[in-house]
Amino acid sequence: MTNLPGADLHWPEGGMAGTAMHELSLLENVREILENHALSQNFTKITQVTLEIGKLSSVEPDALRFGFDVVMKGSLAEHAELIISDLAGLGICQQCGLQVELETLYDPCPHCGSPLVKIIQGAEMKIKDLIVI
């Protein structure tokens, strides 16, 4: 397995409105990152790609699964297995200071009810690892 430093795909706070076209664009970015890393790390084929998707990212895993084979066709990741792992949404309440788990971007603090919760995890998507030849 290979970890790709700098292969995190972060979006602005607040996430993104997800559509199938948007996920295809994300997959095209993933393909470009994979191709760049293949050149710098001298591998020629990818057999497995693991993407980590934050619960708060507004990225639709099913849309990624649907478009993966189409976008990767003709690339070094053609026929690669796509694995998607979930990343929990976490925030720090700016009022009570507790770290809290979040289901959506705008959840209030479940302890004190404050709407001032700073997102610290879960609004990102990243290439977690690869299996390459």
C-alpha atoms as a PDB file:
ATOM      1  CA  MET A   1       0.000   0.000   0.000  1.00  0.00           C
ATOM      2  CA  THR A   2       1.129   3.528  -0.693  1.00  0.00           C
ATOM      3  CA  ASN A   3       0.112   6.633   1.198  1.00  0.00           C
ATOM      4  CA  LEU A   4       0.019   9.760  -0.905  1.00  0.00           C
ATOM      5  CA  PRO A   5       1.312  12.774   0.988  1.00  0.00           C
ATOM      6  CA  GLY A   6      -0.428  15.876  -0.203  1.00  0.00           C
ATOM      7  CA  ALA A   7      -3.241  13.926  -1.815  1.00  0.00           C
ATOM      8  CA  ASP A   8      -5.892  15.281   0.529  1.00  0.00           C
ATOM      9  CA  LEU A   9      -8.774  16.866  -1.303  1.00  0.00           C
ATOM     10  CA  HIS A  10     -10.162  19.518   1.043  1.00  0.00           C
ATOM     11  CA  TRP A  11     -13.138  21.691   0.387  1.00  0.00           C
ATOM     12  CA  PRO A  12     -14.018  25.021   1.925  1.00  0.00           C
ATOM     13  CA  GLU A  13     -15.798  24.947   5.263  1.00  0.00           C
ATOM     14  CA  GLY A  14     -19.438  24.207   4.626  1.00  0.00           C
ATOM     15  CA  GLY A  15     -18.805  21.356   2.212  1.00  0.00           C
ATOM     16  CA  MET A  16     -20.095  21.216  -1.318  1.00  0.00           C
ATOM     17  CA  ALA A  17     -23.427  20.619  -2.881  1.00  0.00           C
ATOM     18  CA  GLY A  18     -23.122  17.130  -4.307  1.00  0.00           C
ATOM     19  CA  THR A  19     -24.332  16.160  -7.739  1.00  0.00           C
ATOM     20  CA  ALA A  20     -23.318  13.280  -9.961  1.00  0.00           C
ATOM     21  CA  MET A  21     -21.478  15.720 -12.235  1.00  0.00           C
ATOM     22  CA  HIS A  22     -19.627  17.075  -9.238  1.00  0.00           C
ATOM     23  CA  GLU A  23     -18.480  13.610  -8.204  1.00  0.00           C
ATOM     24  CA  LEU A  24     -17.248  12.958 -11.754  1.00  0.00           C
ATOM     25  CA  SER A  25     -15.151  16.112 -11.506  1.00  0.00           C
ATOM     26  CA  LEU A  26     -13.751  14.914  -8.177  1.00  0.00           C
ATOM     27  CA  LEU A  27     -12.880  11.564  -9.743  1.00  0.00           C
ATOM     28  CA  GLU A  28     -11.095  13.329 -12.590  1.00  0.00           C
ATOM     29  CA  ASN A  29      -9.015  15.162  -9.962  1.00  0.00           C
ATOM     30  CA  VAL A  30      -8.267  11.830  -8.265  1.00  0.00           C
ATOM     31  CA  ARG A  31      -7.143  10.370 -11.600  1.00  0.00           C
ATOM     32  CA  GLU A  32      -4.808  13.322 -12.161  1.00  0.00           C
ATOM     33  CA  ILE A  33      -3.296  12.937  -8.670  1.00  0.00           C
ATOM     34  CA  LEU A  34      -2.790   9.208  -9.273  1.00  0.00           C
ATOM     35  CA  GLU A  35      -1.067   9.842 -12.600  1.00  0.00           C
ATOM     36  CA  ASN A  36       1.251  12.451 -11.049  1.00  0.00           C
ATOM     37  CA  HIS A  37       2.205  10.114  -8.212  1.00  0.00           C
ATOM     38  CA  ALA A  38       2.781   7.250 -10.647  1.00  0.00           C
ATOM     39  CA  LEU A  39       5.350   9.388 -12.456  1.00  0.00           C
ATOM     40  CA  SER A  40       7.111  10.503  -9.277  1.00  0.00           C
ATOM     41  CA  GLN A  41       7.023   7.090  -7.553  1.00  0.00           C
ATOM     42  CA  ASN A  42       7.567   4.878 -10.628  1.00  0.00           C
ATOM     43  CA  PHE A  43       4.555   2.593 -10.585  1.00  0.00           C
ATOM     44  CA  THR A  44       2.624   1.572 -13.652  1.00  0.00           C
ATOM     45  CA  LYS A  45      -0.631   0.063 -12.430  1.00  0.00           C
ATOM     46  CA  ILE A  46      -3.035   0.628  -9.559  1.00  0.00           C
ATOM     47  CA  THR A  47      -5.083  -2.348  -8.417  1.00  0.00           C
ATOM     48  CA  GLN A  48      -6.893  -0.731  -5.477  1.00  0.00           C
ATOM     49  CA  VAL A  49      -7.798   2.831  -4.500  1.00  0.00           C
ATOM     50  CA  THR A  50      -9.105   3.680  -1.037  1.00  0.00           C
ATOM     51  CA  LEU A  51     -10.872   7.014  -0.688  1.00  0.00           C
ATOM     52  CA  GLU A  52     -11.727   8.391   2.726  1.00  0.00           C
ATOM     53  CA  ILE A  53     -14.849  10.541   2.634  1.00  0.00           C
ATOM     54  CA  GLY A  54     -15.886  12.773   5.491  1.00  0.00           C
ATOM     55  CA  LYS A  55     -19.464  12.549   6.648  1.00  0.00           C
ATOM     56  CA  LEU A  56     -19.749  16.343   6.382  1.00  0.00           C
ATOM     57  CA  SER A  57     -18.198  16.641   2.897  1.00  0.00           C
ATOM     58  CA  SER A  58     -21.438  16.472   0.879  1.00  0.00           C
ATOM     59  CA  VAL A  59     -19.757  13.932  -1.410  1.00  0.00           C
ATOM     60  CA  GLU A  60     -22.049  11.083  -2.429  1.00  0.00           C
ATOM     61  CA  PRO A  61     -20.207   7.730  -2.149  1.00  0.00           C
ATOM     62  CA  ASP A  62     -22.716   6.014  -4.456  1.00  0.00           C
ATOM     63  CA  ALA A  63     -22.082   8.596  -7.178  1.00  0.00           C
ATOM     64  CA  LEU A  64     -18.324   8.018  -6.808  1.00  0.00           C
ATOM     65  CA  ARG A  65     -18.802   4.258  -7.098  1.00  0.00           C
ATOM     66  CA  PHE A  66     -20.999   4.727 -10.146  1.00  0.00           C
ATOM     67  CA  GLY A  67     -18.533   6.963 -11.997  1.00  0.00           C
ATOM     68  CA  PHE A  68     -15.227   5.409 -10.927  1.00  0.00           C
ATOM     69  CA  ASP A  69     -14.879   2.861 -13.751  1.00  0.00           C
ATOM     70  CA  VAL A  70     -15.880   5.393 -16.401  1.00  0.00           C
ATOM     71  CA  VAL A  71     -13.402   8.045 -15.247  1.00  0.00           C
ATOM     72  CA  MET A  72     -10.547   5.577 -14.696  1.00  0.00           C
ATOM     73  CA  LYS A  73     -10.966   3.912 -18.116  1.00  0.00           C
ATOM     74  CA  GLY A  74      -7.719   4.127 -20.054  1.00  0.00           C
ATOM     75  CA  SER A  75      -5.706   5.196 -16.989  1.00  0.00           C
ATOM     76  CA  LEU A  76      -3.307   3.261 -14.785  1.00  0.00           C
ATOM     77  CA  ALA A  77      -6.266   2.730 -12.413  1.00  0.00           C
ATOM     78  CA  GLU A  78      -8.450   1.044 -15.050  1.00  0.00           C
ATOM     79  CA  HIS A  79     -10.003  -2.071 -13.456  1.00  0.00           C
ATOM     80  CA  ALA A  80      -8.835  -0.976  -9.980  1.00  0.00           C
ATOM     81  CA  GLU A  81     -11.039  -1.809  -7.023  1.00  0.00           C
ATOM     82  CA  LEU A  82     -12.530   1.241  -5.313  1.00  0.00           C
ATOM     83  CA  ILE A  83     -12.872   1.118  -1.537  1.00  0.00           C
ATOM     84  CA  ILE A  84     -14.627   3.958   0.247  1.00  0.00           C
ATOM     85  CA  SER A  85     -14.152   4.436   3.968  1.00  0.00           C
ATOM     86  CA  ASP A  86     -16.183   6.842   6.061  1.00  0.00           C
ATOM     87  CA  LEU A  87     -14.694   9.539   8.243  1.00  0.00           C
ATOM     88  CA  ALA A  88     -16.821  10.745  11.163  1.00  0.00           C
ATOM     89  CA  GLY A  89     -17.774  14.386  11.506  1.00  0.00           C
ATOM     90  CA  LEU A  90     -16.160  16.018  14.543  1.00  0.00           C
ATOM     91  CA  GLY A  91     -16.244  19.539  15.905  1.00  0.00           C
ATOM     92  CA  ILE A  92     -15.191  21.606  18.889  1.00  0.00           C
ATOM     93  CA  CYS A  93     -17.936  23.575  20.603  1.00  0.00           C
ATOM     94  CA  GLN A  94     -16.815  27.202  20.864  1.00  0.00           C
ATOM     95  CA  GLN A  95     -18.983  27.701  23.945  1.00  0.00           C
ATOM     96  CA  CYS A  96     -18.350  24.663  26.185  1.00  0.00           C
ATOM     97  CA  GLY A  97     -15.086  23.528  24.584  1.00  0.00           C
ATOM     98  CA  LEU A  98     -16.090  19.883  24.180  1.00  0.00           C
ATOM     99  CA  GLN A  99     -15.247  17.781  21.139  1.00  0.00           C
ATOM    100  CA  VAL A 100     -18.496  16.490  19.664  1.00  0.00           C
ATOM    101  CA  GLU A 101     -19.555  14.121  16.906  1.00  0.00           C
ATOM    102  CA  LEU A 102     -21.640  15.749  14.174  1.00  0.00           C
ATOM    103  CA  GLU A 103     -24.143  14.247  11.765  1.00  0.00           C
ATOM    104  CA  THR A 104     -24.492  17.370   9.592  1.00  0.00           C
ATOM    105  CA  LEU A 105     -22.493  20.554   9.080  1.00  0.00           C
ATOM    106  CA  TYR A 106     -24.799  22.743  11.093  1.00  0.00           C
ATOM    107  CA  ASP A 107     -25.548  20.518  14.083  1.00  0.00           C
ATOM    108  CA  PRO A 108     -25.559  22.404  17.379  1.00  0.00           C
ATOM    109  CA  CYS A 109     -23.469  21.130  20.278  1.00  0.00           C
ATOM    110  CA  PRO A 110     -25.317  18.133  21.742  1.00  0.00           C
ATOM    111  CA  HIS A 111     -24.078  19.085  25.241  1.00  0.00           C
ATOM    112  CA  CYS A 112     -24.898  22.795  25.534  1.00  0.00           C
ATOM    113  CA  GLY A 113     -26.970  23.492  22.393  1.00  0.00           C
ATOM    114  CA  SER A 114     -24.641  26.186  21.063  1.00  0.00           C
ATOM    115  CA  PRO A 115     -24.669  26.589  17.262  1.00  0.00           C
ATOM    116  CA  LEU A 116     -20.996  27.653  17.374  1.00  0.00           C
ATOM    117  CA  VAL A 117     -19.256  24.391  16.558  1.00  0.00           C
ATOM    118  CA  LYS A 118     -15.964  24.511  14.625  1.00  0.00           C
ATOM    119  CA  ILE A 119     -15.524  21.567  12.249  1.00  0.00           C
ATOM    120  CA  ILE A 120     -12.234  19.735  12.874  1.00  0.00           C
ATOM    121  CA  GLN A 121     -12.834  16.542  10.881  1.00  0.00           C
ATOM    122  CA  GLY A 122     -15.218  15.153   8.324  1.00  0.00           C
ATOM    123  CA  ALA A 123     -15.456  17.897   5.685  1.00  0.00           C
ATOM    124  CA  GLU A 124     -12.688  16.371   3.580  1.00  0.00           C
ATOM    125  CA  MET A 125     -12.132  13.684   1.020  1.00  0.00           C
ATOM    126  CA  LYS A 126      -8.716  12.142   0.551  1.00  0.00           C
ATOM    127  CA  ILE A 127      -6.917   9.360  -1.163  1.00  0.00           C
ATOM    128  CA  LYS A 128      -6.114   7.210   1.849  1.00  0.00           C
ATOM    129  CA  ASP A 129      -3.997   4.525   0.184  1.00  0.00           C
ATOM    130  CA  LEU A 130      -3.301   2.576  -2.967  1.00  0.00           C
ATOM    131  CA  ILE A 131      -2.161  -0.866  -3.970  1.00  0.00           C
ATOM    132  CA  VAL A 132       0.189  -0.464  -6.919  1.00  0.00           C
ATOM    133  CA  ILE A 133       2.415  -2.514  -9.196  1.00  0.00           C
END
